[in-house]
Amino acid sequence: MPGSFKISSHQLMILILLYSVGTVILHTPSPLAGFAKQDAWLAALFGTGIALIFVWLH
C-alpha cells in the first residue's frame, strides 16, 4: 500500500483520549446531572479519572 504509515503509542493515546473526551462531552452531562444533582461535578471528575486509567491500560 503506497503511503502506508504507522502511528506511535503516544499518538494512539492522544487519539483515544480525544475520542473519550468528545464522547463524554456529548453524552454524559444530562443524565449525570439528573442523577447526581449538586454533586455532578464530582461525579464527572471521578469518571474522567477512571476513564484515563483505562486509556493508560489500553
PDB file of N, CA and C in Angstrom:
ATOM      1  N   MET A   1       0.837  -1.172   0.000  1.00  0.00           N
ATOM      2  CA  MET A   1       0.000   0.000   0.000  1.00  0.00           C
ATOM      3  C   MET A   1       0.886   1.240   0.000  1.00  0.00           C
ATOM      4  N   PRO A   2       0.835   2.024  -1.058  1.00  0.00           N
ATOM      5  CA  PRO A   2       1.684   3.215  -1.109  1.00  0.00           C
ATOM      6  C   PRO A   2       1.225   4.256  -0.086  1.00  0.00           C
ATOM      7  N   GLY A   3       2.187   4.861   0.535  1.00  0.00           N
ATOM      8  CA  GLY A   3       1.867   5.886   1.514  1.00  0.00           C
ATOM      9  C   GLY A   3       1.424   5.332   2.856  1.00  0.00           C
ATOM     10  N   SER A   4       1.695   4.053   3.131  1.00  0.00           N
ATOM     11  CA  SER A   4       1.305   3.497   4.427  1.00  0.00           C
ATOM     12  C   SER A   4       2.192   4.081   5.520  1.00  0.00           C
ATOM     13  N   PHE A   5       1.667   4.140   6.709  1.00  0.00           N
ATOM     14  CA  PHE A   5       2.401   4.715   7.822  1.00  0.00           C
ATOM     15  C   PHE A   5       1.980   4.038   9.106  1.00  0.00           C
ATOM     16  N   LYS A   6       2.769   4.261  10.138  1.00  0.00           N
ATOM     17  CA  LYS A   6       2.471   3.732  11.463  1.00  0.00           C
ATOM     18  C   LYS A   6       2.384   4.900  12.427  1.00  0.00           C
ATOM     19  N   ILE A   7       1.512   4.748  13.428  1.00  0.00           N
ATOM     20  CA  ILE A   7       1.442   5.772  14.455  1.00  0.00           C
ATOM     21  C   ILE A   7       2.116   5.241  15.720  1.00  0.00           C
ATOM     22  N   SER A   8       2.652   6.141  16.477  1.00  0.00           N
ATOM     23  CA  SER A   8       3.335   5.743  17.705  1.00  0.00           C
ATOM     24  C   SER A   8       2.318   5.486  18.810  1.00  0.00           C
ATOM     25  N   SER A   9       2.769   4.884  19.882  1.00  0.00           N
ATOM     26  CA  SER A   9       1.877   4.619  21.007  1.00  0.00           C
ATOM     27  C   SER A   9       1.395   5.928  21.637  1.00  0.00           C
ATOM     28  N   HIS A  10       2.230   6.941  21.613  1.00  0.00           N
ATOM     29  CA  HIS A  10       1.833   8.243  22.153  1.00  0.00           C
ATOM     30  C   HIS A  10       0.713   8.851  21.309  1.00  0.00           C
ATOM     31  N   GLN A  11       0.820   8.747  19.989  1.00  0.00           N
ATOM     32  CA  GLN A  11      -0.224   9.269  19.115  1.00  0.00           C
ATOM     33  C   GLN A  11      -1.536   8.510  19.317  1.00  0.00           C
ATOM     34  N   LEU A  12      -1.458   7.191  19.505  1.00  0.00           N
ATOM     35  CA  LEU A  12      -2.653   6.393  19.765  1.00  0.00           C
ATOM     36  C   LEU A  12      -3.306   6.823  21.074  1.00  0.00           C
ATOM     37  N   MET A  13      -2.502   7.075  22.092  1.00  0.00           N
ATOM     38  CA  MET A  13      -3.038   7.508  23.376  1.00  0.00           C
ATOM     39  C   MET A  13      -3.769   8.843  23.225  1.00  0.00           C
ATOM     40  N   ILE A  14      -3.216   9.767  22.470  1.00  0.00           N
ATOM     41  CA  ILE A  14      -3.854  11.062  22.253  1.00  0.00           C
ATOM     42  C   ILE A  14      -5.180  10.885  21.502  1.00  0.00           C
ATOM     43  N   LEU A  15      -5.194  10.024  20.469  1.00  0.00           N
ATOM     44  CA  LEU A  15      -6.427   9.778  19.729  1.00  0.00           C
ATOM     45  C   LEU A  15      -7.517   9.200  20.621  1.00  0.00           C
ATOM     46  N   ILE A  16      -7.167   8.236  21.444  1.00  0.00           N
ATOM     47  CA  ILE A  16      -8.139   7.623  22.352  1.00  0.00           C
ATOM     48  C   ILE A  16      -8.621   8.637  23.372  1.00  0.00           C
ATOM     49  N   LEU A  17      -7.724   9.437  23.896  1.00  0.00           N
ATOM     50  CA  LEU A  17      -8.099  10.458  24.876  1.00  0.00           C
ATOM     51  C   LEU A  17      -9.074  11.463  24.279  1.00  0.00           C
ATOM     52  N   LEU A  18      -8.776  11.952  23.080  1.00  0.00           N
ATOM     53  CA  LEU A  18      -9.656  12.931  22.453  1.00  0.00           C
ATOM     54  C   LEU A  18     -11.012  12.321  22.105  1.00  0.00           C
ATOM     55  N   TYR A  19     -11.033  11.066  21.670  1.00  0.00           N
ATOM     56  CA  TYR A  19     -12.299  10.391  21.384  1.00  0.00           C
ATOM     57  C   TYR A  19     -13.118  10.246  22.666  1.00  0.00           C
ATOM     58  N   SER A  20     -12.470   9.854  23.739  1.00  0.00           N
ATOM     59  CA  SER A  20     -13.168   9.676  25.013  1.00  0.00           C
ATOM     60  C   SER A  20     -13.728  10.992  25.530  1.00  0.00           C
ATOM     61  N   VAL A  21     -12.949  12.041  25.464  1.00  0.00           N
ATOM     62  CA  VAL A  21     -13.404  13.346  25.936  1.00  0.00           C
ATOM     63  C   VAL A  21     -14.576  13.831  25.091  1.00  0.00           C
ATOM     64  N   GLY A  22     -14.495  13.656  23.772  1.00  0.00           N
ATOM     65  CA  GLY A  22     -15.589  14.060  22.901  1.00  0.00           C
ATOM     66  C   GLY A  22     -16.870  13.309  23.200  1.00  0.00           C
ATOM     67  N   THR A  23     -16.759  12.026  23.454  1.00  0.00           N
ATOM     68  CA  THR A  23     -17.927  11.222  23.778  1.00  0.00           C
ATOM     69  C   THR A  23     -18.535  11.659  25.102  1.00  0.00           C
ATOM     70  N   VAL A  24     -17.706  11.902  26.069  1.00  0.00           N
ATOM     71  CA  VAL A  24     -18.197  12.334  27.387  1.00  0.00           C
ATOM     72  C   VAL A  24     -18.891  13.687  27.291  1.00  0.00           C
ATOM     73  N   ILE A  25     -18.336  14.593  26.519  1.00  0.00           N
ATOM     74  CA  ILE A  25     -18.934  15.926  26.386  1.00  0.00           C
ATOM     75  C   ILE A  25     -20.317  15.838  25.745  1.00  0.00           C
ATOM     76  N   LEU A  26     -20.504  14.911  24.800  1.00  0.00           N
ATOM     77  CA  LEU A  26     -21.780  14.823  24.097  1.00  0.00           C
ATOM     78  C   LEU A  26     -22.850  14.035  24.843  1.00  0.00           C
ATOM     79  N   HIS A  27     -22.474  12.977  25.541  1.00  0.00           N
ATOM     80  CA  HIS A  27     -23.464  12.034  26.058  1.00  0.00           C
ATOM     81  C   HIS A  27     -23.668  12.024  27.572  1.00  0.00           C
ATOM     82  N   THR A  28     -22.763  12.528  28.333  1.00  0.00           N
ATOM     83  CA  THR A  28     -22.815  12.348  29.773  1.00  0.00           C
ATOM     84  C   THR A  28     -23.527  13.449  30.566  1.00  0.00           C
ATOM     85  N   PRO A  29     -23.426  14.714  30.227  1.00  0.00           N
ATOM     86  CA  PRO A  29     -23.880  15.759  31.154  1.00  0.00           C
ATOM     87  C   PRO A  29     -25.326  15.664  31.630  1.00  0.00           C
ATOM     88  N   SER A  30     -26.266  15.450  30.752  1.00  0.00           N
ATOM     89  CA  SER A  30     -27.664  15.473  31.163  1.00  0.00           C
ATOM     90  C   SER A  30     -28.030  14.343  32.128  1.00  0.00           C
ATOM     91  N   PRO A  31     -27.751  13.067  31.798  1.00  0.00           N
ATOM     92  CA  PRO A  31     -28.098  12.009  32.759  1.00  0.00           C
ATOM     93  C   PRO A  31     -27.318  12.129  34.070  1.00  0.00           C
ATOM     94  N   LEU A  32     -26.066  12.555  33.962  1.00  0.00           N
ATOM     95  CA  LEU A  32     -25.240  12.692  35.163  1.00  0.00           C
ATOM     96  C   LEU A  32     -25.796  13.775  36.073  1.00  0.00           C
ATOM     97  N   ALA A  33     -26.173  14.913  35.521  1.00  0.00           N
ATOM     98  CA  ALA A  33     -26.713  15.997  36.330  1.00  0.00           C
ATOM     99  C   ALA A  33     -28.055  15.611  36.943  1.00  0.00           C
ATOM    100  N   GLY A  34     -28.857  14.851  36.224  1.00  0.00           N
ATOM    101  CA  GLY A  34     -30.136  14.420  36.762  1.00  0.00           C
ATOM    102  C   GLY A  34     -29.993  13.448  37.915  1.00  0.00           C
ATOM    103  N   PHE A  35     -28.983  12.615  37.853  1.00  0.00           N
ATOM    104  CA  PHE A  35     -28.790  11.604  38.888  1.00  0.00           C
ATOM    105  C   PHE A  35     -28.049  12.157  40.096  1.00  0.00           C
ATOM    106  N   ALA A  36     -26.978  12.934  39.861  1.00  0.00           N
ATOM    107  CA  ALA A  36     -26.105  13.375  40.946  1.00  0.00           C
ATOM    108  C   ALA A  36     -26.513  14.719  41.555  1.00  0.00           C
ATOM    109  N   LYS A  37     -27.379  15.453  40.889  1.00  0.00           N
ATOM    110  CA  LYS A  37     -27.854  16.762  41.369  1.00  0.00           C
ATOM    111  C   LYS A  37     -26.687  17.731  41.628  1.00  0.00           C
ATOM    112  N   GLN A  38     -26.491  18.149  42.860  1.00  0.00           N
ATOM    113  CA  GLN A  38     -25.465  19.141  43.198  1.00  0.00           C
ATOM    114  C   GLN A  38     -24.035  18.606  43.050  1.00  0.00           C
ATOM    115  N   ASP A  39     -23.873  17.310  43.134  1.00  0.00           N
ATOM    116  CA  ASP A  39     -22.527  16.725  43.085  1.00  0.00           C
ATOM    117  C   ASP A  39     -22.148  16.217  41.705  1.00  0.00           C
ATOM    118  N   ALA A  40     -22.762  16.747  40.660  1.00  0.00           N
ATOM    119  CA  ALA A  40     -22.476  16.287  39.297  1.00  0.00           C
ATOM    120  C   ALA A  40     -21.027  16.559  38.915  1.00  0.00           C
ATOM    121  N   TRP A  41     -20.472  17.670  39.361  1.00  0.00           N
ATOM    122  CA  TRP A  41     -19.088  17.981  39.015  1.00  0.00           C
ATOM    123  C   TRP A  41     -18.136  16.952  39.619  1.00  0.00           C
ATOM    124  N   LEU A  42     -18.459  16.475  40.810  1.00  0.00           N
ATOM    125  CA  LEU A  42     -17.615  15.486  41.470  1.00  0.00           C
ATOM    126  C   LEU A  42     -17.689  14.140  40.743  1.00  0.00           C
ATOM    127  N   ALA A  43     -18.885  13.761  40.336  1.00  0.00           N
ATOM    128  CA  ALA A  43     -19.054  12.513  39.600  1.00  0.00           C
ATOM    129  C   ALA A  43     -18.340  12.576  38.251  1.00  0.00           C
ATOM    130  N   ALA A  44     -18.397  13.721  37.580  1.00  0.00           N
ATOM    131  CA  ALA A  44     -17.713  13.880  36.302  1.00  0.00           C
ATOM    132  C   ALA A  44     -16.204  13.795  36.476  1.00  0.00           C
ATOM    133  N   LEU A  45     -15.693  14.405  37.505  1.00  0.00           N
ATOM    134  CA  LEU A  45     -14.259  14.361  37.779  1.00  0.00           C
ATOM    135  C   LEU A  45     -13.804  12.942  38.084  1.00  0.00           C
ATOM    136  N   PHE A  46     -14.553  12.236  38.894  1.00  0.00           N
ATOM    137  CA  PHE A  46     -14.234  10.852  39.241  1.00  0.00           C
ATOM    138  C   PHE A  46     -14.295   9.951  38.010  1.00  0.00           C
ATOM    139  N   GLY A  47     -15.316  10.125  37.193  1.00  0.00           N
ATOM    140  CA  GLY A  47     -15.460   9.327  35.975  1.00  0.00           C
ATOM    141  C   GLY A  47     -14.340   9.576  34.982  1.00  0.00           C
ATOM    142  N   THR A  48     -13.915  10.821  34.862  1.00  0.00           N
ATOM    143  CA  THR A  48     -12.809  11.147  33.972  1.00  0.00           C
ATOM    144  C   THR A  48     -11.524  10.483  34.449  1.00  0.00           C
ATOM    145  N   GLY A  49     -11.300  10.494  35.743  1.00  0.00           N
ATOM    146  CA  GLY A  49     -10.112   9.830  36.290  1.00  0.00           C
ATOM    147  C   GLY A  49     -10.105   8.339  36.000  1.00  0.00           C
ATOM    148  N   ILE A  50     -11.246   7.700  36.158  1.00  0.00           N
ATOM    149  CA  ILE A  50     -11.334   6.265  35.870  1.00  0.00           C
ATOM    150  C   ILE A  50     -11.108   6.007  34.382  1.00  0.00           C
ATOM    151  N   ALA A  51     -11.697   6.850  33.523  1.00  0.00           N
ATOM    152  CA  ALA A  51     -11.522   6.690  32.078  1.00  0.00           C
ATOM    153  C   ALA A  51     -10.054   6.839  31.683  1.00  0.00           C
ATOM    154  N   LEU A  52      -9.352   7.777  32.312  1.00  0.00           N
ATOM    155  CA  LEU A  52      -7.932   7.959  31.992  1.00  0.00           C
ATOM    156  C   LEU A  52      -7.107   6.750  32.430  1.00  0.00           C
ATOM    157  N   ILE A  53      -7.491   6.113  33.494  1.00  0.00           N
ATOM    158  CA  ILE A  53      -6.811   4.873  33.913  1.00  0.00           C
ATOM    159  C   ILE A  53      -6.996   3.804  32.844  1.00  0.00           C
ATOM    160  N   PHE A  54      -8.220   3.677  32.310  1.00  0.00           N
ATOM    161  CA  PHE A  54      -8.466   2.694  31.253  1.00  0.00           C
ATOM    162  C   PHE A  54      -7.676   3.024  29.983  1.00  0.00           C
ATOM    163  N   VAL A  55      -7.567   4.306  29.644  1.00  0.00           N
ATOM    164  CA  VAL A  55      -6.775   4.711  28.481  1.00  0.00           C
ATOM    165  C   VAL A  55      -5.317   4.326  28.697  1.00  0.00           C
ATOM    166  N   TRP A  56      -4.811   4.555  29.886  1.00  0.00           N
ATOM    167  CA  TRP A  56      -3.426   4.197  30.184  1.00  0.00           C
ATOM    168  C   TRP A  56      -3.212   2.681  30.079  1.00  0.00           C
ATOM    169  N   LEU A  57      -4.172   1.907  30.570  1.00  0.00           N
ATOM    170  CA  LEU A  57      -4.068   0.454  30.488  1.00  0.00           C
ATOM    171  C   LEU A  57      -4.151  -0.050  29.058  1.00  0.00           C
ATOM    172  N   HIS A  58      -4.933   0.639  28.251  1.00  0.00           N
ATOM    173  CA  HIS A  58      -5.104   0.228  26.854  1.00  0.00           C
ATOM    174  C   HIS A  58      -3.821   0.479  26.091  1.00  0.00           C
TER     175      HIS A  58
END
